[in-house]
Amino acid sequence: MGLCYVGTAIMGKWMLGEPVNATRWFGIVLIIVGVIFVARSVTQATVPLFNRGMAHTCVRDSVHKP
């Protein structure tokens, strides 16, 4: 999604000859760096303790079987 701004600015400069000043180029570089950071970040979803089977054993152990 962030690269849409980059593509729009580059295509506007290339196809329509729009002026792109240094501030906009700096913003484009920041967007690209941000996209790289997000793409390289590794996050692993952690399962909360109550979903790891612990809650089931606690409930199962507390229920009295006839």
PDB file of N, CA and C in Angstrom:
ATOM      1  N   MET A   1       0.808  -1.182   0.000  1.00  0.00           N
ATOM      2  CA  MET A   1       0.000   0.000   0.000  1.00  0.00           C
ATOM      3  C   MET A   1       0.862   1.260   0.000  1.00  0.00           C
ATOM      4  N   GLY A   2       1.918   1.256   0.783  1.00  0.00           N
ATOM      5  CA  GLY A   2       2.765   2.433   0.852  1.00  0.00           C
ATOM      6  C   GLY A   2       3.451   2.730  -0.469  1.00  0.00           C
ATOM      7  N   LEU A   3       3.674   1.689  -1.232  1.00  0.00           N
ATOM      8  CA  LEU A   3       4.355   1.893  -2.517  1.00  0.00           C
ATOM      9  C   LEU A   3       3.453   2.524  -3.568  1.00  0.00           C
ATOM     10  N   CYS A   4       2.164   2.612  -3.311  1.00  0.00           N
ATOM     11  CA  CYS A   4       1.258   3.293  -4.253  1.00  0.00           C
ATOM     12  C   CYS A   4       1.618   4.767  -4.363  1.00  0.00           C
ATOM     13  N   TYR A   5       1.981   5.392  -3.235  1.00  0.00           N
ATOM     14  CA  TYR A   5       2.389   6.800  -3.272  1.00  0.00           C
ATOM     15  C   TYR A   5       3.657   6.968  -4.105  1.00  0.00           C
ATOM     16  N   VAL A   6       4.567   6.025  -3.954  1.00  0.00           N
ATOM     17  CA  VAL A   6       5.815   6.078  -4.712  1.00  0.00           C
ATOM     18  C   VAL A   6       5.528   5.928  -6.196  1.00  0.00           C
ATOM     19  N   GLY A   7       4.724   4.945  -6.538  1.00  0.00           N
ATOM     20  CA  GLY A   7       4.386   4.709  -7.941  1.00  0.00           C
ATOM     21  C   GLY A   7       3.664   5.889  -8.569  1.00  0.00           C
ATOM     22  N   THR A   8       2.767   6.516  -7.808  1.00  0.00           N
ATOM     23  CA  THR A   8       2.041   7.665  -8.323  1.00  0.00           C
ATOM     24  C   THR A   8       2.978   8.833  -8.614  1.00  0.00           C
ATOM     25  N   ALA A   9       3.900   9.099  -7.705  1.00  0.00           N
ATOM     26  CA  ALA A   9       4.835  10.208  -7.912  1.00  0.00           C
ATOM     27  C   ALA A   9       5.764   9.941  -9.095  1.00  0.00           C
ATOM     28  N   ILE A  10       6.260   8.727  -9.186  1.00  0.00           N
ATOM     29  CA  ILE A  10       7.177   8.397 -10.284  1.00  0.00           C
ATOM     30  C   ILE A  10       6.454   8.417 -11.624  1.00  0.00           C
ATOM     31  N   MET A  11       5.258   7.851 -11.674  1.00  0.00           N
ATOM     32  CA  MET A  11       4.504   7.849 -12.931  1.00  0.00           C
ATOM     33  C   MET A  11       4.085   9.270 -13.320  1.00  0.00           C
ATOM     34  N   GLY A  12       3.745  10.097 -12.328  1.00  0.00           N
ATOM     35  CA  GLY A  12       3.396  11.483 -12.623  1.00  0.00           C
ATOM     36  C   GLY A  12       4.574  12.243 -13.209  1.00  0.00           C
ATOM     37  N   LYS A  13       5.755  11.998 -12.648  1.00  0.00           N
ATOM     38  CA  LYS A  13       6.967  12.652 -13.159  1.00  0.00           C
ATOM     39  C   LYS A  13       7.300  12.147 -14.561  1.00  0.00           C
ATOM     40  N   TRP A  14       7.224  10.847 -14.751  1.00  0.00           N
ATOM     41  CA  TRP A  14       7.643  10.223 -16.004  1.00  0.00           C
ATOM     42  C   TRP A  14       6.625  10.451 -17.120  1.00  0.00           C
ATOM     43  N   MET A  15       5.343  10.203 -16.832  1.00  0.00           N
ATOM     44  CA  MET A  15       4.325  10.254 -17.885  1.00  0.00           C
ATOM     45  C   MET A  15       3.755  11.651 -18.098  1.00  0.00           C
ATOM     46  N   LEU A  16       3.577  12.412 -17.030  1.00  0.00           N
ATOM     47  CA  LEU A  16       2.914  13.705 -17.156  1.00  0.00           C
ATOM     48  C   LEU A  16       3.867  14.880 -17.040  1.00  0.00           C
ATOM     49  N   GLY A  17       5.112  14.596 -16.702  1.00  0.00           N
ATOM     50  CA  GLY A  17       6.083  15.664 -16.575  1.00  0.00           C
ATOM     51  C   GLY A  17       5.842  16.576 -15.383  1.00  0.00           C
ATOM     52  N   GLU A  18       5.172  16.056 -14.344  1.00  0.00           N
ATOM     53  CA  GLU A  18       4.894  16.868 -13.161  1.00  0.00           C
ATOM     54  C   GLU A  18       6.183  17.158 -12.398  1.00  0.00           C
ATOM     55  N   PRO A  19       6.277  18.342 -11.818  1.00  0.00           N
ATOM     56  CA  PRO A  19       7.473  18.636 -11.014  1.00  0.00           C
ATOM     57  C   PRO A  19       7.408  17.911  -9.671  1.00  0.00           C
ATOM     58  N   VAL A  20       8.485  17.255  -9.331  1.00  0.00           N
ATOM     59  CA  VAL A  20       8.584  16.568  -8.040  1.00  0.00           C
ATOM     60  C   VAL A  20       9.781  17.186  -7.327  1.00  0.00           C
ATOM     61  N   ASN A  21       9.496  17.910  -6.234  1.00  0.00           N
ATOM     62  CA  ASN A  21      10.568  18.625  -5.545  1.00  0.00           C
ATOM     63  C   ASN A  21      11.332  17.701  -4.597  1.00  0.00           C
ATOM     64  N   ALA A  22      12.383  18.238  -3.992  1.00  0.00           N
ATOM     65  CA  ALA A  22      13.259  17.445  -3.126  1.00  0.00           C
ATOM     66  C   ALA A  22      12.530  16.921  -1.895  1.00  0.00           C
ATOM     67  N   THR A  23      11.582  17.688  -1.391  1.00  0.00           N
ATOM     68  CA  THR A  23      10.825  17.234  -0.217  1.00  0.00           C
ATOM     69  C   THR A  23      10.013  15.989  -0.542  1.00  0.00           C
ATOM     70  N   ARG A  24       9.412  15.974  -1.699  1.00  0.00           N
ATOM     71  CA  ARG A  24       8.628  14.807  -2.096  1.00  0.00           C
ATOM     72  C   ARG A  24       9.532  13.594  -2.323  1.00  0.00           C
ATOM     73  N   TRP A  25      10.713  13.801  -2.956  1.00  0.00           N
ATOM     74  CA  TRP A  25      11.644  12.687  -3.145  1.00  0.00           C
ATOM     75  C   TRP A  25      12.098  12.138  -1.793  1.00  0.00           C
ATOM     76  N   PHE A  26      12.341  13.042  -0.829  1.00  0.00           N
ATOM     77  CA  PHE A  26      12.733  12.600   0.515  1.00  0.00           C
ATOM     78  C   PHE A  26      11.615  11.779   1.149  1.00  0.00           C
ATOM     79  N   GLY A  27      10.387  12.206   0.973  1.00  0.00           N
ATOM     80  CA  GLY A  27       9.247  11.439   1.481  1.00  0.00           C
ATOM     81  C   GLY A  27       9.136  10.073   0.825  1.00  0.00           C
ATOM     82  N   ILE A  28       9.420  10.017  -0.470  1.00  0.00           N
ATOM     83  CA  ILE A  28       9.390   8.740  -1.186  1.00  0.00           C
ATOM     84  C   ILE A  28      10.451   7.796  -0.637  1.00  0.00           C
ATOM     85  N   VAL A  29      11.631   8.336  -0.366  1.00  0.00           N
ATOM     86  CA  VAL A  29      12.696   7.510   0.210  1.00  0.00           C
ATOM     87  C   VAL A  29      12.281   6.999   1.583  1.00  0.00           C
ATOM     88  N   LEU A  30      11.652   7.859   2.400  1.00  0.00           N
ATOM     89  CA  LEU A  30      11.190   7.415   3.724  1.00  0.00           C
ATOM     90  C   LEU A  30      10.138   6.311   3.617  1.00  0.00           C
ATOM     91  N   ILE A  31       9.241   6.446   2.649  1.00  0.00           N
ATOM     92  CA  ILE A  31       8.225   5.405   2.451  1.00  0.00           C
ATOM     93  C   ILE A  31       8.882   4.090   2.068  1.00  0.00           C
ATOM     94  N   ILE A  32       9.835   4.129   1.155  1.00  0.00           N
ATOM     95  CA  ILE A  32      10.513   2.903   0.726  1.00  0.00           C
ATOM     96  C   ILE A  32      11.249   2.254   1.890  1.00  0.00           C
ATOM     97  N   VAL A  33      11.941   3.067   2.686  1.00  0.00           N
ATOM     98  CA  VAL A  33      12.645   2.523   3.859  1.00  0.00           C
ATOM     99  C   VAL A  33      11.652   1.911   4.842  1.00  0.00           C
ATOM    100  N   GLY A  34      10.525   2.564   5.051  1.00  0.00           N
ATOM    101  CA  GLY A  34       9.501   2.021   5.944  1.00  0.00           C
ATOM    102  C   GLY A  34       8.940   0.700   5.449  1.00  0.00           C
ATOM    103  N   VAL A  35       8.704   0.611   4.158  1.00  0.00           N
ATOM    104  CA  VAL A  35       8.195  -0.642   3.584  1.00  0.00           C
ATOM    105  C   VAL A  35       9.229  -1.754   3.750  1.00  0.00           C
ATOM    106  N   ILE A  36      10.496  -1.427   3.581  1.00  0.00           N
ATOM    107  CA  ILE A  36      11.550  -2.436   3.765  1.00  0.00           C
ATOM    108  C   ILE A  36      11.590  -2.911   5.215  1.00  0.00           C
ATOM    109  N   PHE A  37      11.491  -1.970   6.168  1.00  0.00           N
ATOM    110  CA  PHE A  37      11.484  -2.363   7.585  1.00  0.00           C
ATOM    111  C   PHE A  37      10.304  -3.268   7.911  1.00  0.00           C
ATOM    112  N   VAL A  38       9.136  -2.929   7.413  1.00  0.00           N
ATOM    113  CA  VAL A  38       7.954  -3.751   7.689  1.00  0.00           C
ATOM    114  C   VAL A  38       8.090  -5.118   7.040  1.00  0.00           C
ATOM    115  N   ALA A  39       8.611  -5.169   5.835  1.00  0.00           N
ATOM    116  CA  ALA A  39       8.750  -6.441   5.126  1.00  0.00           C
ATOM    117  C   ALA A  39       9.775  -7.348   5.802  1.00  0.00           C
ATOM    118  N   ARG A  40      10.810  -6.761   6.386  1.00  0.00           N
ATOM    119  CA  ARG A  40      11.854  -7.569   7.013  1.00  0.00           C
ATOM    120  C   ARG A  40      11.536  -7.958   8.450  1.00  0.00           C
ATOM    121  N   SER A  41      10.549  -7.306   9.049  1.00  0.00           N
ATOM    122  CA  SER A  41      10.238  -7.607  10.442  1.00  0.00           C
ATOM    123  C   SER A  41       9.624  -9.003  10.535  1.00  0.00           C
ATOM    124  N   VAL A  42      10.085  -9.728  11.491  1.00  0.00           N
ATOM    125  CA  VAL A  42       9.595 -11.084  11.697  1.00  0.00           C
ATOM    126  C   VAL A  42       8.834 -11.094  13.008  1.00  0.00           C
ATOM    127  N   THR A  43       7.572 -11.357  12.904  1.00  0.00           N
ATOM    128  CA  THR A  43       6.766 -11.491  14.108  1.00  0.00           C
ATOM    129  C   THR A  43       6.122 -12.858  14.092  1.00  0.00           C
ATOM    130  N   GLN A  44       6.114 -13.452  15.253  1.00  0.00           N
ATOM    131  CA  GLN A  44       5.461 -14.737  15.378  1.00  0.00           C
ATOM    132  C   GLN A  44       4.278 -14.555  16.309  1.00  0.00           C
ATOM    133  N   ALA A  45       3.169 -15.041  15.867  1.00  0.00           N
ATOM    134  CA  ALA A  45       1.980 -14.957  16.697  1.00  0.00           C
ATOM    135  C   ALA A  45       2.146 -15.910  17.873  1.00  0.00           C
ATOM    136  N   THR A  46       1.888 -15.410  19.040  1.00  0.00           N
ATOM    137  CA  THR A  46       1.968 -16.256  20.217  1.00  0.00           C
ATOM    138  C   THR A  46       0.561 -16.605  20.651  1.00  0.00           C
ATOM    139  N   VAL A  47       0.407 -17.821  21.062  1.00  0.00           N
ATOM    140  CA  VAL A  47      -0.887 -18.291  21.513  1.00  0.00           C
ATOM    141  C   VAL A  47      -0.980 -18.000  23.004  1.00  0.00           C
ATOM    142  N   PRO A  48      -2.033 -17.306  23.428  1.00  0.00           N
ATOM    143  CA  PRO A  48      -2.167 -17.042  24.859  1.00  0.00           C
ATOM    144  C   PRO A  48      -2.210 -18.333  25.667  1.00  0.00           C
ATOM    145  N   LEU A  49      -1.852 -18.226  26.919  1.00  0.00           N
ATOM    146  CA  LEU A  49      -1.746 -19.402  27.789  1.00  0.00           C
ATOM    147  C   LEU A  49      -3.044 -20.191  27.830  1.00  0.00           C
ATOM    148  N   PHE A  50      -4.181 -19.499  27.858  1.00  0.00           N
ATOM    149  CA  PHE A  50      -5.450 -20.216  27.963  1.00  0.00           C
ATOM    150  C   PHE A  50      -5.820 -20.949  26.683  1.00  0.00           C
ATOM    151  N   ASN A  51      -5.122 -20.707  25.569  1.00  0.00           N
ATOM    152  CA  ASN A  51      -5.405 -21.426  24.330  1.00  0.00           C
ATOM    153  C   ASN A  51      -4.399 -22.542  24.061  1.00  0.00           C
ATOM    154  N   ARG A  52      -3.433 -22.721  24.919  1.00  0.00           N
ATOM    155  CA  ARG A  52      -2.407 -23.748  24.690  1.00  0.00           C
ATOM    156  C   ARG A  52      -2.798 -25.111  25.249  1.00  0.00           C
ATOM    157  N   GLY A  53      -4.000 -25.242  25.680  1.00  0.00           N
ATOM    158  CA  GLY A  53      -4.410 -26.515  26.246  1.00  0.00           C
ATOM    159  C   GLY A  53      -4.405 -26.490  27.765  1.00  0.00           C
ATOM    160  N   MET A  54      -3.843 -25.457  28.351  1.00  0.00           N
ATOM    161  CA  MET A  54      -3.792 -25.364  29.803  1.00  0.00           C
ATOM    162  C   MET A  54      -5.191 -25.205  30.378  1.00  0.00           C
ATOM    163  N   ALA A  55      -6.009 -24.399  29.751  1.00  0.00           N
ATOM    164  CA  ALA A  55      -7.359 -24.170  30.255  1.00  0.00           C
ATOM    165  C   ALA A  55      -8.172 -25.452  30.178  1.00  0.00           C
ATOM    166  N   HIS A  56      -7.954 -26.230  29.140  1.00  0.00           N
ATOM    167  CA  HIS A  56      -8.711 -27.462  28.990  1.00  0.00           C
ATOM    168  C   HIS A  56      -8.348 -28.454  30.088  1.00  0.00           C
ATOM    169  N   THR A  57      -7.081 -28.548  30.422  1.00  0.00           N
ATOM    170  CA  THR A  57      -6.705 -29.479  31.476  1.00  0.00           C
ATOM    171  C   THR A  57      -7.189 -28.993  32.829  1.00  0.00           C
ATOM    172  N   CYS A  58      -7.159 -27.671  33.050  1.00  0.00           N
ATOM    173  CA  CYS A  58      -7.641 -27.150  34.328  1.00  0.00           C
ATOM    174  C   CYS A  58      -9.130 -27.398  34.472  1.00  0.00           C
ATOM    175  N   VAL A  59      -9.876 -27.148  33.402  1.00  0.00           N
ATOM    176  CA  VAL A  59     -11.317 -27.377  33.448  1.00  0.00           C
ATOM    177  C   VAL A  59     -11.598 -28.858  33.555  1.00  0.00           C
ATOM    178  N   ARG A  60     -10.856 -29.657  32.816  1.00  0.00           N
ATOM    179  CA  ARG A  60     -11.082 -31.095  32.832  1.00  0.00           C
ATOM    180  C   ARG A  60     -10.760 -31.671  34.196  1.00  0.00           C
ATOM    181  N   ASP A  61      -9.697 -31.179  34.840  1.00  0.00           N
ATOM    182  CA  ASP A  61      -9.332 -31.707  36.146  1.00  0.00           C
ATOM    183  C   ASP A  61     -10.292 -31.259  37.239  1.00  0.00           C
ATOM    184  N   SER A  62     -10.925 -30.109  37.043  1.00  0.00           N
ATOM    185  CA  SER A  62     -11.818 -29.613  38.093  1.00  0.00           C
ATOM    186  C   SER A  62     -13.214 -30.185  37.983  1.00  0.00           C
ATOM    187  N   VAL A  63     -13.541 -30.792  36.848  1.00  0.00           N
ATOM    188  CA  VAL A  63     -14.883 -31.382  36.676  1.00  0.00           C
ATOM    189  C   VAL A  63     -14.857 -32.780  37.284  1.00  0.00           C
ATOM    190  N   HIS A  64     -15.820 -33.017  38.150  1.00  0.00           N
ATOM    191  CA  HIS A  64     -15.902 -34.349  38.785  1.00  0.00           C
ATOM    192  C   HIS A  64     -16.642 -35.295  37.875  1.00  0.00           C
ATOM    193  N   LYS A  65     -16.028 -36.419  37.636  1.00  0.00           N
ATOM    194  CA  LYS A  65     -16.672 -37.424  36.799  1.00  0.00           C
ATOM    195  C   LYS A  65     -17.427 -38.384  37.705  1.00  0.00           C
ATOM    196  N   PRO A  66     -18.646 -38.733  37.318  1.00  0.00           N
ATOM    197  CA  PRO A  66     -19.436 -39.666  38.157  1.00  0.00           C
ATOM    198  C   PRO A  66     -18.930 -41.073  38.087  1.00  0.00           C
TER     199      PRO A  66
END
